[in-house]
Amino acid sequence: MEISRDEILTKAYELGKKYERKCTGCAQTAVAAIFEALNIWNEDVFRAASGLADGLGLTGDGSCGALVGGSMVIGYLYGRGKEDFSDMYKPMKSYGLVKKLHDEYVKKFGSCRCYDVQEKLIGRTYNMWDPNELKEAFKSGMVNHCSDLVGKVAQMATEIILDNGFSPK
C-alpha cells in the first residue's frame, strides 16, 4: 500500500513532535522523523546529529538543532559526494534546498539562532548546563514548544525533499 504525500508530511510532523518530547535532542529527533517518514535510514547521519541540540552542544548560541538536522538530511540526499569533492558547483542543489529550508524557518520563527527562537516561543532563554535552569526550562513548557517546532521543521524539510523528486520506497 502506497502512502500519500500528505500522509508522509503528517508522519514527519508527528514523529518529530513525538521524538522530541520523548527523547529530546532536536537535531537528532528531526533527522529520525524525516528518515522514518521517507522510509530511509542512515545511522551515520543520525549519530552525527547527536551533539547539535539546543543551538549546538546545548549552548543556545547556534542555529536551531532541528533546522541543522533537516539540513543534514537534505545534504545527505542531494549533497556532493567525495568523488565530486573538487567540483565547487556540485553542492549547489543542496545549498539551494537548505537555503529554502532556512528561509522558510526564519519566516516562521524570526531567526535561526536557538536563543532567539526560545525568546520568541517561551519568552526567555535557558542555560541547559545549569541544573536549576534545566528544571525551570522543563517546567516552563519548553519541551512542548520545541516538540512542535521539531515537528514543523521535519515536515518542512520533508516537503522540500519530496518537491525535489525523492520517492519513498
N, C-alpha and C. Protein backbone atom coordinates (compact mmCIF):
# COMPACT_ATOMS: atom_id res chain seq x y z
N MET A 1 0.84 -1.18 0.00
CA MET A 1 0.00 0.00 0.00
C MET A 1 0.89 1.25 0.00
N GLU A 2 0.64 2.11 -0.97
CA GLU A 2 1.44 3.33 -1.10
C GLU A 2 0.92 4.42 -0.17
N ILE A 3 1.83 5.10 0.45
CA ILE A 3 1.47 6.18 1.38
C ILE A 3 1.43 7.50 0.60
N SER A 4 0.44 8.32 0.87
CA SER A 4 0.27 9.58 0.14
C SER A 4 1.26 10.64 0.65
N ARG A 5 1.44 11.64 -0.16
CA ARG A 5 2.30 12.77 0.19
C ARG A 5 1.84 13.41 1.50
N ASP A 6 0.55 13.64 1.63
CA ASP A 6 0.02 14.24 2.86
C ASP A 6 0.28 13.35 4.07
N GLU A 7 0.18 12.04 3.90
CA GLU A 7 0.45 11.12 5.00
C GLU A 7 1.93 11.15 5.38
N ILE A 8 2.81 11.27 4.39
CA ILE A 8 4.24 11.36 4.66
C ILE A 8 4.54 12.63 5.45
N LEU A 9 3.95 13.76 5.02
CA LEU A 9 4.19 15.03 5.70
C LEU A 9 3.63 15.03 7.11
N THR A 10 2.46 14.44 7.28
CA THR A 10 1.87 14.33 8.61
C THR A 10 2.72 13.43 9.50
N LYS A 11 3.22 12.35 8.93
CA LYS A 11 4.07 11.43 9.69
C LYS A 11 5.35 12.13 10.14
N ALA A 12 5.96 12.93 9.26
CA ALA A 12 7.18 13.66 9.63
C ALA A 12 6.90 14.59 10.81
N TYR A 13 5.80 15.33 10.74
CA TYR A 13 5.43 16.24 11.83
C TYR A 13 5.20 15.47 13.13
N GLU A 14 4.37 14.44 13.07
CA GLU A 14 4.01 13.69 14.28
C GLU A 14 5.22 13.00 14.91
N LEU A 15 6.07 12.41 14.08
CA LEU A 15 7.27 11.75 14.62
C LEU A 15 8.24 12.76 15.22
N GLY A 16 8.42 13.89 14.55
CA GLY A 16 9.30 14.92 15.09
C GLY A 16 8.83 15.38 16.46
N LYS A 17 7.55 15.64 16.56
CA LYS A 17 6.97 16.09 17.83
C LYS A 17 7.10 15.00 18.91
N LYS A 18 6.78 13.78 18.54
CA LYS A 18 6.84 12.65 19.48
C LYS A 18 8.28 12.39 19.95
N TYR A 19 9.22 12.34 19.01
CA TYR A 19 10.60 12.04 19.38
C TYR A 19 11.22 13.14 20.23
N GLU A 20 10.92 14.40 19.91
CA GLU A 20 11.48 15.48 20.71
C GLU A 20 10.93 15.43 22.13
N ARG A 21 9.66 15.14 22.27
CA ARG A 21 9.04 15.06 23.59
C ARG A 21 9.61 13.88 24.39
N LYS A 22 9.80 12.76 23.72
CA LYS A 22 10.21 11.53 24.41
C LYS A 22 11.73 11.42 24.58
N CYS A 23 12.49 11.78 23.54
CA CYS A 23 13.93 11.51 23.53
C CYS A 23 14.79 12.77 23.66
N THR A 24 14.28 13.91 23.29
CA THR A 24 14.97 15.20 23.18
C THR A 24 16.17 15.11 22.25
N GLY A 25 16.77 16.26 21.99
CA GLY A 25 17.88 16.33 21.05
C GLY A 25 17.37 16.72 19.68
N CYS A 26 17.00 17.98 19.52
CA CYS A 26 16.23 18.45 18.36
C CYS A 26 16.85 18.10 17.01
N ALA A 27 18.15 18.11 16.88
CA ALA A 27 18.76 17.76 15.59
C ALA A 27 18.52 16.28 15.29
N GLN A 28 18.79 15.44 16.27
CA GLN A 28 18.63 14.01 16.08
C GLN A 28 17.17 13.61 15.93
N THR A 29 16.28 14.25 16.67
CA THR A 29 14.86 13.90 16.56
C THR A 29 14.30 14.34 15.21
N ALA A 30 14.78 15.46 14.69
CA ALA A 30 14.35 15.88 13.35
C ALA A 30 14.86 14.90 12.28
N VAL A 31 16.12 14.51 12.38
CA VAL A 31 16.68 13.55 11.44
C VAL A 31 15.90 12.24 11.48
N ALA A 32 15.64 11.73 12.67
CA ALA A 32 14.90 10.46 12.80
C ALA A 32 13.50 10.58 12.19
N ALA A 33 12.82 11.68 12.46
CA ALA A 33 11.46 11.86 11.94
C ALA A 33 11.44 11.91 10.41
N ILE A 34 12.37 12.65 9.84
CA ILE A 34 12.43 12.77 8.37
C ILE A 34 12.79 11.43 7.75
N PHE A 35 13.82 10.78 8.27
CA PHE A 35 14.21 9.48 7.75
C PHE A 35 13.05 8.49 7.80
N GLU A 36 12.40 8.40 8.93
CA GLU A 36 11.33 7.42 9.06
C GLU A 36 10.12 7.76 8.20
N ALA A 37 9.80 9.05 8.08
CA ALA A 37 8.69 9.45 7.21
C ALA A 37 8.98 9.09 5.75
N LEU A 38 10.25 9.16 5.37
CA LEU A 38 10.65 8.84 4.00
C LEU A 38 11.02 7.37 3.81
N ASN A 39 10.95 6.60 4.89
CA ASN A 39 11.26 5.17 4.87
C ASN A 39 12.71 4.90 4.44
N ILE A 40 13.62 5.70 5.00
CA ILE A 40 15.05 5.51 4.78
C ILE A 40 15.74 5.59 6.14
N TRP A 41 17.01 5.25 6.18
CA TRP A 41 17.76 5.39 7.42
C TRP A 41 19.24 5.43 7.09
N ASN A 42 19.97 6.26 7.81
CA ASN A 42 21.42 6.26 7.74
C ASN A 42 21.93 6.51 9.16
N GLU A 43 22.49 5.50 9.75
CA GLU A 43 22.95 5.58 11.14
C GLU A 43 24.04 6.63 11.32
N ASP A 44 24.91 6.80 10.33
CA ASP A 44 25.99 7.78 10.45
C ASP A 44 25.44 9.20 10.52
N VAL A 45 24.48 9.52 9.67
CA VAL A 45 23.87 10.86 9.71
C VAL A 45 23.13 11.05 11.03
N PHE A 46 22.39 10.03 11.45
CA PHE A 46 21.67 10.10 12.72
C PHE A 46 22.63 10.36 13.88
N ARG A 47 23.70 9.62 13.95
CA ARG A 47 24.69 9.79 15.04
C ARG A 47 25.37 11.15 14.96
N ALA A 48 25.67 11.60 13.75
CA ALA A 48 26.36 12.89 13.58
C ALA A 48 25.51 14.04 14.10
N ALA A 49 24.21 13.88 14.15
CA ALA A 49 23.32 14.93 14.64
C ALA A 49 23.27 15.00 16.16
N SER A 50 23.88 14.07 16.84
CA SER A 50 23.75 13.94 18.29
C SER A 50 24.20 15.15 19.10
N GLY A 51 25.27 15.79 18.73
CA GLY A 51 25.79 16.90 19.54
C GLY A 51 25.25 18.27 19.17
N LEU A 52 24.24 18.31 18.32
CA LEU A 52 23.82 19.58 17.73
C LEU A 52 22.56 20.18 18.34
N ALA A 53 22.11 19.65 19.45
CA ALA A 53 20.86 20.12 20.06
C ALA A 53 21.01 21.48 20.72
N ASP A 54 19.91 22.19 20.81
CA ASP A 54 19.81 23.47 21.53
C ASP A 54 20.90 24.44 21.09
N GLY A 55 20.97 24.68 19.79
CA GLY A 55 21.92 25.66 19.30
C GLY A 55 23.36 25.22 19.36
N LEU A 56 23.64 23.97 19.17
CA LEU A 56 24.97 23.35 19.17
C LEU A 56 25.48 23.08 20.59
N GLY A 57 25.48 21.84 20.97
CA GLY A 57 26.04 21.44 22.26
C GLY A 57 25.34 22.04 23.46
N LEU A 58 24.03 22.25 23.36
CA LEU A 58 23.20 22.86 24.42
C LEU A 58 23.67 24.26 24.80
N THR A 59 24.22 25.00 23.82
CA THR A 59 24.68 26.36 24.11
C THR A 59 23.61 27.42 23.84
N GLY A 60 22.66 27.11 22.97
CA GLY A 60 21.66 28.10 22.58
C GLY A 60 22.21 29.14 21.63
N ASP A 61 23.51 29.14 21.41
CA ASP A 61 24.18 30.22 20.68
C ASP A 61 24.38 29.92 19.20
N GLY A 62 23.84 28.82 18.72
CA GLY A 62 23.99 28.48 17.31
C GLY A 62 22.64 28.28 16.67
N SER A 63 22.65 27.78 15.46
CA SER A 63 21.40 27.51 14.75
C SER A 63 20.59 26.45 15.46
N CYS A 64 19.30 26.57 15.34
CA CYS A 64 18.36 25.59 15.89
C CYS A 64 18.78 24.19 15.43
N GLY A 65 18.83 23.25 16.35
CA GLY A 65 19.21 21.89 16.02
C GLY A 65 18.28 21.23 15.02
N ALA A 66 16.98 21.50 15.12
CA ALA A 66 16.04 20.91 14.17
C ALA A 66 16.32 21.40 12.76
N LEU A 67 16.63 22.68 12.63
CA LEU A 67 16.99 23.25 11.33
C LEU A 67 18.27 22.60 10.80
N VAL A 68 19.25 22.42 11.66
CA VAL A 68 20.50 21.78 11.26
C VAL A 68 20.25 20.32 10.89
N GLY A 69 19.44 19.62 11.66
CA GLY A 69 19.11 18.23 11.36
C GLY A 69 18.42 18.08 10.01
N GLY A 70 17.43 18.93 9.76
CA GLY A 70 16.75 18.91 8.47
C GLY A 70 17.72 19.19 7.33
N SER A 71 18.64 20.12 7.56
CA SER A 71 19.65 20.46 6.56
C SER A 71 20.58 19.28 6.31
N MET A 72 20.89 18.53 7.36
CA MET A 72 21.75 17.36 7.21
C MET A 72 21.10 16.31 6.31
N VAL A 73 19.81 16.10 6.48
CA VAL A 73 19.12 15.10 5.64
C VAL A 73 19.10 15.58 4.19
N ILE A 74 18.83 16.87 3.98
CA ILE A 74 18.86 17.40 2.61
C ILE A 74 20.25 17.20 2.01
N GLY A 75 21.29 17.50 2.77
CA GLY A 75 22.65 17.29 2.28
C GLY A 75 22.94 15.83 1.99
N TYR A 76 22.45 14.96 2.85
CA TYR A 76 22.65 13.52 2.64
C TYR A 76 22.02 13.07 1.32
N LEU A 77 20.83 13.57 1.03
CA LEU A 77 20.12 13.13 -0.18
C LEU A 77 20.56 13.86 -1.45
N TYR A 78 20.95 15.13 -1.33
CA TYR A 78 21.23 15.94 -2.52
C TYR A 78 22.63 16.53 -2.56
N GLY A 79 23.46 16.20 -1.60
CA GLY A 79 24.77 16.83 -1.50
C GLY A 79 25.85 16.20 -2.35
N ARG A 80 26.99 16.82 -2.31
CA ARG A 80 28.17 16.42 -3.07
C ARG A 80 28.84 15.23 -2.38
N GLY A 81 29.21 14.25 -3.16
CA GLY A 81 29.95 13.10 -2.66
C GLY A 81 31.44 13.29 -2.78
N LYS A 82 32.19 12.41 -2.15
CA LYS A 82 33.66 12.51 -2.17
C LYS A 82 34.20 12.49 -3.59
N GLU A 83 33.57 11.70 -4.47
CA GLU A 83 34.06 11.61 -5.86
C GLU A 83 33.97 12.95 -6.59
N ASP A 84 33.13 13.85 -6.13
CA ASP A 84 32.95 15.18 -6.74
C ASP A 84 33.45 16.31 -5.85
N PHE A 85 34.26 15.98 -4.86
CA PHE A 85 34.67 16.95 -3.85
C PHE A 85 35.36 18.18 -4.45
N SER A 86 36.11 18.00 -5.52
CA SER A 86 36.83 19.13 -6.10
C SER A 86 35.96 19.98 -7.03
N ASP A 87 34.73 19.56 -7.28
CA ASP A 87 33.82 20.31 -8.14
C ASP A 87 32.99 21.26 -7.29
N MET A 88 33.35 22.54 -7.30
CA MET A 88 32.69 23.51 -6.42
C MET A 88 31.23 23.75 -6.80
N TYR A 89 30.81 23.31 -7.96
CA TYR A 89 29.41 23.51 -8.37
C TYR A 89 28.50 22.34 -7.98
N LYS A 90 29.08 21.21 -7.64
CA LYS A 90 28.28 20.02 -7.30
C LYS A 90 27.32 20.22 -6.13
N PRO A 91 27.71 20.95 -5.08
CA PRO A 91 26.78 21.08 -3.95
C PRO A 91 25.72 22.18 -4.13
N MET A 92 25.66 22.80 -5.30
CA MET A 92 24.73 23.93 -5.47
C MET A 92 23.27 23.53 -5.22
N LYS A 93 22.87 22.33 -5.62
CA LYS A 93 21.48 21.92 -5.38
C LYS A 93 21.22 21.84 -3.88
N SER A 94 22.12 21.22 -3.14
CA SER A 94 21.91 21.11 -1.69
C SER A 94 21.95 22.49 -1.04
N TYR A 95 22.83 23.37 -1.51
CA TYR A 95 22.86 24.74 -0.98
C TYR A 95 21.50 25.41 -1.17
N GLY A 96 20.96 25.29 -2.37
CA GLY A 96 19.69 25.93 -2.67
C GLY A 96 18.54 25.38 -1.84
N LEU A 97 18.52 24.06 -1.65
CA LEU A 97 17.44 23.44 -0.87
C LEU A 97 17.55 23.78 0.61
N VAL A 98 18.77 23.81 1.13
CA VAL A 98 18.97 24.19 2.54
C VAL A 98 18.63 25.67 2.72
N LYS A 99 18.95 26.50 1.75
CA LYS A 99 18.57 27.91 1.82
C LYS A 99 17.05 28.05 1.87
N LYS A 100 16.37 27.26 1.08
CA LYS A 100 14.90 27.28 1.08
C LYS A 100 14.37 26.91 2.47
N LEU A 101 14.92 25.86 3.07
CA LEU A 101 14.51 25.47 4.42
C LEU A 101 14.82 26.59 5.40
N HIS A 102 16.01 27.14 5.34
CA HIS A 102 16.40 28.25 6.21
C HIS A 102 15.43 29.42 6.08
N ASP A 103 15.14 29.82 4.85
CA ASP A 103 14.28 30.98 4.63
C ASP A 103 12.86 30.74 5.15
N GLU A 104 12.33 29.53 4.94
CA GLU A 104 11.00 29.19 5.48
C GLU A 104 11.03 29.21 7.00
N TYR A 105 12.10 28.68 7.57
CA TYR A 105 12.25 28.63 9.03
C TYR A 105 12.28 30.05 9.61
N VAL A 106 13.11 30.91 9.04
CA VAL A 106 13.24 32.28 9.55
C VAL A 106 11.92 33.04 9.39
N LYS A 107 11.23 32.80 8.30
CA LYS A 107 9.92 33.45 8.11
C LYS A 107 8.94 33.03 9.21
N LYS A 108 8.99 31.77 9.58
CA LYS A 108 8.06 31.24 10.59
C LYS A 108 8.48 31.57 12.02
N PHE A 109 9.79 31.54 12.30
CA PHE A 109 10.26 31.67 13.69
C PHE A 109 11.09 32.93 13.97
N GLY A 110 11.37 33.73 12.94
CA GLY A 110 12.02 35.02 13.15
C GLY A 110 13.53 35.02 13.13
N SER A 111 14.15 33.91 13.40
CA SER A 111 15.61 33.79 13.46
C SER A 111 15.94 32.31 13.42
N CYS A 112 17.17 31.98 13.05
CA CYS A 112 17.56 30.56 13.13
C CYS A 112 18.39 30.29 14.39
N ARG A 113 18.73 31.33 15.13
CA ARG A 113 19.52 31.17 16.35
C ARG A 113 18.62 30.64 17.48
N CYS A 114 19.03 29.60 18.11
CA CYS A 114 18.24 28.92 19.13
C CYS A 114 17.75 29.87 20.22
N TYR A 115 18.64 30.66 20.79
CA TYR A 115 18.23 31.59 21.87
C TYR A 115 17.13 32.55 21.40
N ASP A 116 17.25 33.06 20.17
CA ASP A 116 16.24 33.99 19.65
C ASP A 116 14.89 33.29 19.53
N VAL A 117 14.90 32.06 19.07
CA VAL A 117 13.65 31.30 18.92
C VAL A 117 13.06 30.98 20.30
N GLN A 118 13.91 30.62 21.26
CA GLN A 118 13.41 30.38 22.62
C GLN A 118 12.72 31.62 23.17
N GLU A 119 13.35 32.78 22.98
CA GLU A 119 12.73 34.02 23.47
C GLU A 119 11.39 34.27 22.81
N LYS A 120 11.30 34.00 21.52
CA LYS A 120 10.04 34.21 20.80
C LYS A 120 8.96 33.23 21.29
N LEU A 121 9.33 31.97 21.46
CA LEU A 121 8.34 30.95 21.81
C LEU A 121 7.98 30.92 23.29
N ILE A 122 8.97 31.12 24.17
CA ILE A 122 8.71 30.98 25.60
C ILE A 122 9.05 32.21 26.43
N GLY A 123 9.52 33.24 25.77
CA GLY A 123 9.74 34.49 26.48
C GLY A 123 11.09 34.66 27.14
N ARG A 124 11.92 33.64 27.08
CA ARG A 124 13.27 33.74 27.66
C ARG A 124 14.12 32.58 27.19
N THR A 125 15.41 32.63 27.54
CA THR A 125 16.33 31.54 27.22
C THR A 125 16.72 30.81 28.50
N TYR A 126 17.30 29.64 28.33
CA TYR A 126 17.72 28.83 29.47
C TYR A 126 19.13 28.31 29.23
N ASN A 127 19.92 28.28 30.29
CA ASN A 127 21.23 27.65 30.26
C ASN A 127 21.01 26.18 30.60
N MET A 128 21.06 25.34 29.60
CA MET A 128 20.75 23.92 29.79
C MET A 128 21.85 23.19 30.56
N TRP A 129 22.99 23.84 30.79
CA TRP A 129 24.06 23.24 31.57
C TRP A 129 23.91 23.53 33.06
N ASP A 130 23.02 24.43 33.41
CA ASP A 130 22.74 24.76 34.81
C ASP A 130 21.55 23.90 35.26
N PRO A 131 21.75 23.01 36.24
CA PRO A 131 20.68 22.09 36.64
C PRO A 131 19.38 22.81 37.05
N ASN A 132 19.50 23.96 37.71
CA ASN A 132 18.29 24.69 38.10
C ASN A 132 17.55 25.27 36.90
N GLU A 133 18.30 25.82 35.96
CA GLU A 133 17.67 26.36 34.75
C GLU A 133 17.10 25.25 33.89
N LEU A 134 17.74 24.10 33.87
CA LEU A 134 17.22 22.96 33.12
C LEU A 134 15.85 22.56 33.67
N LYS A 135 15.75 22.46 35.00
CA LYS A 135 14.46 22.15 35.63
C LYS A 135 13.42 23.21 35.29
N GLU A 136 13.84 24.47 35.36
CA GLU A 136 12.94 25.57 35.04
C GLU A 136 12.47 25.51 33.58
N ALA A 137 13.37 25.15 32.69
CA ALA A 137 13.02 25.03 31.27
C ALA A 137 11.94 23.97 31.08
N PHE A 138 12.09 22.83 31.74
CA PHE A 138 11.08 21.78 31.64
C PHE A 138 9.75 22.23 32.22
N LYS A 139 9.79 22.95 33.35
CA LYS A 139 8.55 23.46 33.97
C LYS A 139 7.87 24.51 33.09
N SER A 140 8.65 25.26 32.33
CA SER A 140 8.12 26.36 31.52
C SER A 140 7.33 25.89 30.31
N GLY A 141 7.42 24.63 29.98
CA GLY A 141 6.76 24.12 28.77
C GLY A 141 7.67 24.14 27.56
N MET A 142 8.96 24.33 27.79
CA MET A 142 9.90 24.37 26.68
C MET A 142 9.83 23.11 25.82
N VAL A 143 9.66 21.95 26.44
CA VAL A 143 9.60 20.70 25.69
C VAL A 143 8.42 20.72 24.73
N ASN A 144 7.29 21.23 25.16
CA ASN A 144 6.12 21.29 24.26
C ASN A 144 6.37 22.22 23.09
N HIS A 145 6.95 23.39 23.35
CA HIS A 145 7.25 24.33 22.27
C HIS A 145 8.27 23.75 21.30
N CYS A 146 9.33 23.18 21.84
CA CYS A 146 10.37 22.62 20.98
C CYS A 146 9.88 21.39 20.22
N SER A 147 9.01 20.60 20.84
CA SER A 147 8.46 19.43 20.16
C SER A 147 7.64 19.84 18.96
N ASP A 148 6.82 20.85 19.12
CA ASP A 148 6.02 21.34 18.00
C ASP A 148 6.93 21.90 16.91
N LEU A 149 7.95 22.64 17.31
CA LEU A 149 8.91 23.20 16.35
C LEU A 149 9.62 22.10 15.58
N VAL A 150 10.09 21.07 16.26
CA VAL A 150 10.77 19.96 15.58
C VAL A 150 9.83 19.31 14.58
N GLY A 151 8.59 19.10 14.98
CA GLY A 151 7.61 18.54 14.05
C GLY A 151 7.43 19.39 12.82
N LYS A 152 7.32 20.69 13.02
CA LYS A 152 7.14 21.61 11.88
C LYS A 152 8.36 21.62 10.97
N VAL A 153 9.54 21.62 11.54
CA VAL A 153 10.76 21.64 10.73
C VAL A 153 10.93 20.32 9.99
N ALA A 154 10.66 19.20 10.65
CA ALA A 154 10.73 17.91 9.98
C ALA A 154 9.76 17.88 8.79
N GLN A 155 8.59 18.43 8.98
CA GLN A 155 7.60 18.48 7.90
C GLN A 155 8.08 19.40 6.77
N MET A 156 8.62 20.56 7.12
CA MET A 156 9.12 21.50 6.11
C MET A 156 10.24 20.86 5.28
N ALA A 157 11.19 20.24 5.95
CA ALA A 157 12.31 19.60 5.24
C ALA A 157 11.83 18.45 4.38
N THR A 158 10.91 17.66 4.90
CA THR A 158 10.37 16.53 4.14
C THR A 158 9.65 17.03 2.89
N GLU A 159 8.92 18.12 3.02
CA GLU A 159 8.22 18.67 1.86
C GLU A 159 9.22 19.13 0.78
N ILE A 160 10.29 19.79 1.19
CA ILE A 160 11.32 20.22 0.25
C ILE A 160 11.93 18.99 -0.44
N ILE A 161 12.20 17.96 0.31
CA ILE A 161 12.77 16.73 -0.25
C ILE A 161 11.82 16.09 -1.26
N LEU A 162 10.54 15.99 -0.91
CA LEU A 162 9.55 15.41 -1.83
C LEU A 162 9.39 16.28 -3.08
N ASP A 163 9.38 17.59 -2.88
CA ASP A 163 9.24 18.52 -4.02
C ASP A 163 10.39 18.41 -5.00
N ASN A 164 11.49 17.83 -4.58
CA ASN A 164 12.68 17.73 -5.43
C ASN A 164 12.95 16.33 -5.91
N GLY A 165 11.89 15.56 -6.01
CA GLY A 165 11.96 14.29 -6.72
C GLY A 165 12.23 13.05 -5.90
N PHE A 166 12.37 13.17 -4.58
CA PHE A 166 12.61 11.97 -3.79
C PHE A 166 11.31 11.17 -3.71
N SER A 167 11.42 9.86 -3.96
CA SER A 167 10.26 8.96 -3.86
C SER A 167 10.53 7.93 -2.79
N PRO A 168 9.75 7.97 -1.70
CA PRO A 168 9.93 6.96 -0.64
C PRO A 168 9.69 5.56 -1.18
N LYS A 169 10.41 4.62 -0.61
CA LYS A 169 10.28 3.21 -1.03
C LYS A 169 9.01 2.60 -0.50
